[in-house]
C-alpha atoms as a PDB file:
ATOM      1  CA  GLY A   1      84.070  94.753  21.689  1.00  0.00           C
ATOM      2  CA  PHE A   2      86.335  97.651  22.170  1.00  0.00           C
ATOM      3  CA  SER A   3      88.360  98.730  20.067  1.00  0.00           C
ATOM      4  CA  PRO A   4      92.104  99.769  20.727  1.00  0.00           C
ATOM      5  CA  ALA A   5      91.327 103.652  21.348  1.00  0.00           C
ATOM      6  CA  ALA A   6      87.907 103.104  23.211  1.00  0.00           C
ATOM      7  CA  GLY A   7      89.264 100.519  25.158  1.00  0.00           C
ATOM      8  CA  ARG A   8      92.453 102.588  26.433  1.00  0.00           C
ATOM      9  CA  LEU A   9      89.611 105.362  27.002  1.00  0.00           C
ATOM     10  CA  MET A  10      87.175 103.103  28.851  1.00  0.00           C
ATOM     11  CA  LEU A  11      89.660 101.148  31.517  1.00  0.00           C
ATOM     12  CA  ASN A  12      91.015 104.938  32.850  1.00  0.00           C
ATOM     13  CA  ILE A  13      87.310 105.549  32.804  1.00  0.00           C
ATOM     14  CA  ALA A  14      86.899 102.715  34.669  1.00  0.00           C
ATOM     15  CA  LEU A  15      89.932 103.340  37.116  1.00  0.00           C
ATOM     16  CA  LEU A  16      88.466 107.104  37.557  1.00  0.00           C
ATOM     17  CA  ALA A  17      84.953 105.688  38.832  1.00  0.00           C
ATOM     18  CA  ALA A  18      86.671 102.719  41.028  1.00  0.00           C
ATOM     19  CA  GLU A  19      88.711 106.548  42.346  1.00  0.00           C
ATOM     20  CA  SER A  20      85.564 108.215  42.884  1.00  0.00           C
ATOM     21  CA  LEU A  21      84.248 105.995  45.145  1.00  0.00           C
ATOM     22  CA  PRO A  22      85.681 106.080  48.064  1.00  0.00           C
ATOM     23  CA  ALA A  23      83.862 104.692  51.031  1.00  0.00           C
ATOM     24  CA  GLY A  24      82.978 101.694  48.294  1.00  0.00           C
ATOM     25  CA  GLY A  25      80.094 101.309  45.935  1.00  0.00           C
ATOM     26  CA  VAL A  26      79.011 100.058  42.572  1.00  0.00           C
ATOM     27  CA  VAL A  27      80.480 100.861  38.844  1.00  0.00           C
ATOM     28  CA  ALA A  28      78.430 100.226  36.386  1.00  0.00           C
ATOM     29  CA  PHE A  29      78.650 100.527  32.351  1.00  0.00           C
ATOM     30  CA  SER A  30      75.490 100.520  30.137  1.00  0.00           C
ATOM     31  CA  GLY A  31      74.989 101.050  26.434  1.00  0.00           C
ATOM     32  CA  HIS A  32      77.311  99.417  23.365  1.00  0.00           C
ATOM     33  CA  PRO A  33      80.921  99.652  22.386  1.00  0.00           C
ATOM     34  CA  ASP A  34      80.508 100.907  18.706  1.00  0.00           C
ATOM     35  CA  GLN A  35      78.066 103.731  20.045  1.00  0.00           C
ATOM     36  CA  ASP A  36      77.239 106.147  23.680  1.00  0.00           C
ATOM     37  CA  VAL A  37      78.531 103.662  26.773  1.00  0.00           C
ATOM     38  CA  VAL A  38      76.921 105.309  30.369  1.00  0.00           C
ATOM     39  CA  VAL A  39      78.960 105.355  33.367  1.00  0.00           C
ATOM     40  CA  ARG A  40      77.626 105.837  36.784  1.00  0.00           C
ATOM     41  CA  ILE A  41      78.882 105.136  40.429  1.00  0.00           C
ATOM     42  CA  VAL A  42      76.491 104.831  43.222  1.00  0.00           C
ATOM     43  CA  GLY A  43      78.249 104.429  46.767  1.00  0.00           C
ATOM     44  CA  PRO A  44      78.504 106.434  50.171  1.00  0.00           C
ATOM     45  CA  ARG A  45      80.614 109.220  49.381  1.00  0.00           C
ATOM     46  CA  ALA A  46      80.402 108.700  45.427  1.00  0.00           C
ATOM     47  CA  ALA A  47      82.021 111.764  43.530  1.00  0.00           C
ATOM     48  CA  TRP A  48      83.277 112.318  40.425  1.00  0.00           C
ATOM     49  CA  PRO A  49      86.510 114.930  41.264  1.00  0.00           C
ATOM     50  CA  ALA A  50      86.201 117.997  41.798  1.00  0.00           C
ATOM     51  CA  GLY A  51      86.934 120.211  38.198  1.00  0.00           C
ATOM     52  CA  LEU A  52      86.663 116.984  36.079  1.00  0.00           C
ATOM     53  CA  ALA A  53      83.957 118.430  34.024  1.00  0.00           C
ATOM     54  CA  MET A  54      85.948 121.395  33.286  1.00  0.00           C
ATOM     55  CA  MET A  55      88.853 118.811  32.144  1.00  0.00           C
ATOM     56  CA  LEU A  56      86.712 117.082  29.950  1.00  0.00           C
ATOM     57  CA  VAL A  57      85.617 120.481  28.002  1.00  0.00           C
ATOM     58  CA  ASP A  58      89.209 122.316  27.894  1.00  0.00           C
ATOM     59  CA  PRO A  59      92.214 120.891  26.763  1.00  0.00           C
ATOM     60  CA  ALA A  60      94.264 123.437  29.148  1.00  0.00           C
ATOM     61  CA  ALA A  61      92.492 122.067  32.264  1.00  0.00           C
ATOM     62  CA  ALA A  62      93.781 119.185  32.837  1.00  0.00           C
ATOM     63  CA  PRO A  63      97.567 120.134  33.440  1.00  0.00           C
ATOM     64  CA  ALA A  64      96.392 123.138  35.215  1.00  0.00           C
ATOM     65  CA  ALA A  65      94.809 121.415  37.496  1.00  0.00           C
ATOM     66  CA  LEU A  66      97.372 118.983  38.179  1.00  0.00           C
ATOM     67  CA  VAL A  67      99.652 121.761  39.389  1.00  0.00           C
ATOM     68  CA  GLU A  68      97.170 122.903  42.333  1.00  0.00           C
ATOM     69  CA  GLN A  69      95.853 119.198  43.083  1.00  0.00           C
ATOM     70  CA  PRO A  70      98.677 116.052  41.929  1.00  0.00           C
ATOM     71  CA  ARG A  71      95.493 113.795  43.508  1.00  0.00           C
ATOM     72  CA  LEU A  72      93.960 114.836  40.106  1.00  0.00           C
ATOM     73  CA  LEU A  73      96.498 112.590  37.599  1.00  0.00           C
ATOM     74  CA  GLN A  74      93.578 109.801  37.054  1.00  0.00           C
ATOM     75  CA  ALA A  75      91.165 112.595  36.559  1.00  0.00           C
ATOM     76  CA  ALA A  76      93.582 114.624  34.456  1.00  0.00           C
ATOM     77  CA  LEU A  77      95.147 111.581  32.060  1.00  0.00           C
ATOM     78  CA  THR A  78      91.251 110.384  31.576  1.00  0.00           C
ATOM     79  CA  ALA A  79      90.631 113.856  30.206  1.00  0.00           C
ATOM     80  CA  GLN A  80      93.902 114.303  28.015  1.00  0.00           C
ATOM     81  CA  ILE A  81      93.267 110.726  26.322  1.00  0.00           C
ATOM     82  CA  ALA A  82      89.636 111.447  25.975  1.00  0.00           C
ATOM     83  CA  GLN A  83      90.514 114.668  24.250  1.00  0.00           C
ATOM     84  CA  ALA A  84      93.690 112.751  22.062  1.00  0.00           C
ATOM     85  CA  SER A  85      91.301 110.259  20.227  1.00  0.00           C
ATOM     86  CA  GLY A  86      88.457 113.171  19.909  1.00  0.00           C
ATOM     87  CA  GLN A  87      85.986 112.129  21.870  1.00  0.00           C
ATOM     88  CA  ARG A  88      83.160 113.743  23.753  1.00  0.00           C
ATOM     89  CA  VAL A  89      83.052 112.422  27.432  1.00  0.00           C
ATOM     90  CA  SER A  90      80.479 114.388  28.978  1.00  0.00           C
ATOM     91  CA  LEU A  91      78.571 114.668  33.119  1.00  0.00           C
ATOM     92  CA  LEU A  92      75.024 114.388  32.271  1.00  0.00           C
ATOM     93  CA  MET A  93      72.330 116.385  34.087  1.00  0.00           C
ATOM     94  CA  GLY A  94      70.409 114.848  37.208  1.00  0.00           C
ATOM     95  CA  PRO A  95      68.594 115.236  40.444  1.00  0.00           C
ATOM     96  CA  SER A  96      71.213 116.770  42.565  1.00  0.00           C
ATOM     97  CA  ASP A  97      70.586 113.611  44.988  1.00  0.00           C
ATOM     98  CA  VAL A  98      72.318 111.087  42.844  1.00  0.00           C
ATOM     99  CA  THR A  99      75.964 111.507  41.663  1.00  0.00           C
ATOM    100  CA  PRO A 100      75.678 112.770  37.781  1.00  0.00           C
ATOM    101  CA  PRO A 101      76.947 109.723  34.785  1.00  0.00           C
ATOM    102  CA  LEU A 102      79.457 109.948  32.296  1.00  0.00           C
ATOM    103  CA  LEU A 103      78.501 109.443  28.802  1.00  0.00           C
ATOM    104  CA  VAL A 104      81.359 108.694  26.810  1.00  0.00           C
ATOM    105  CA  CYS A 105      80.260 108.704  22.537  1.00  0.00           C
ATOM    106  CA  LEU A 106      82.877 105.615  21.317  1.00  0.00           C
ATOM    107  CA  SER A 107      81.384 106.750  17.772  1.00  0.00           C
ATOM    108  CA  ALA A 108      84.085 108.485  16.512  1.00  0.00           C
ATOM    109  CA  ILE A 109      86.601 105.915  17.308  1.00  0.00           C
ATOM    110  CA  ASN A 110      85.372 102.867  16.515  1.00  0.00           C
END
């Protein structure tokens, strides 16, 4: 299973993924709780929140995004939890017609 820190991060990613499916769809997790986990969202209008990639790499971007768009709370919280636990979460590149999956590297907090 996940360590407490990894579990906290994965729970917030699950909430973010569900929020990113406004017309319904599927959230799929694959990988191993001690290593890397890939999170995919598939459904009509499935899309990660605008600015998520920047929030994941720049610690100042998450709080700044909330000033202009409070509805980005779950994205900002998830990014801050990842940064506080020292985890790397990133959007993977893929075909332009598919929502890119998130790669969550958990090995450092287990």
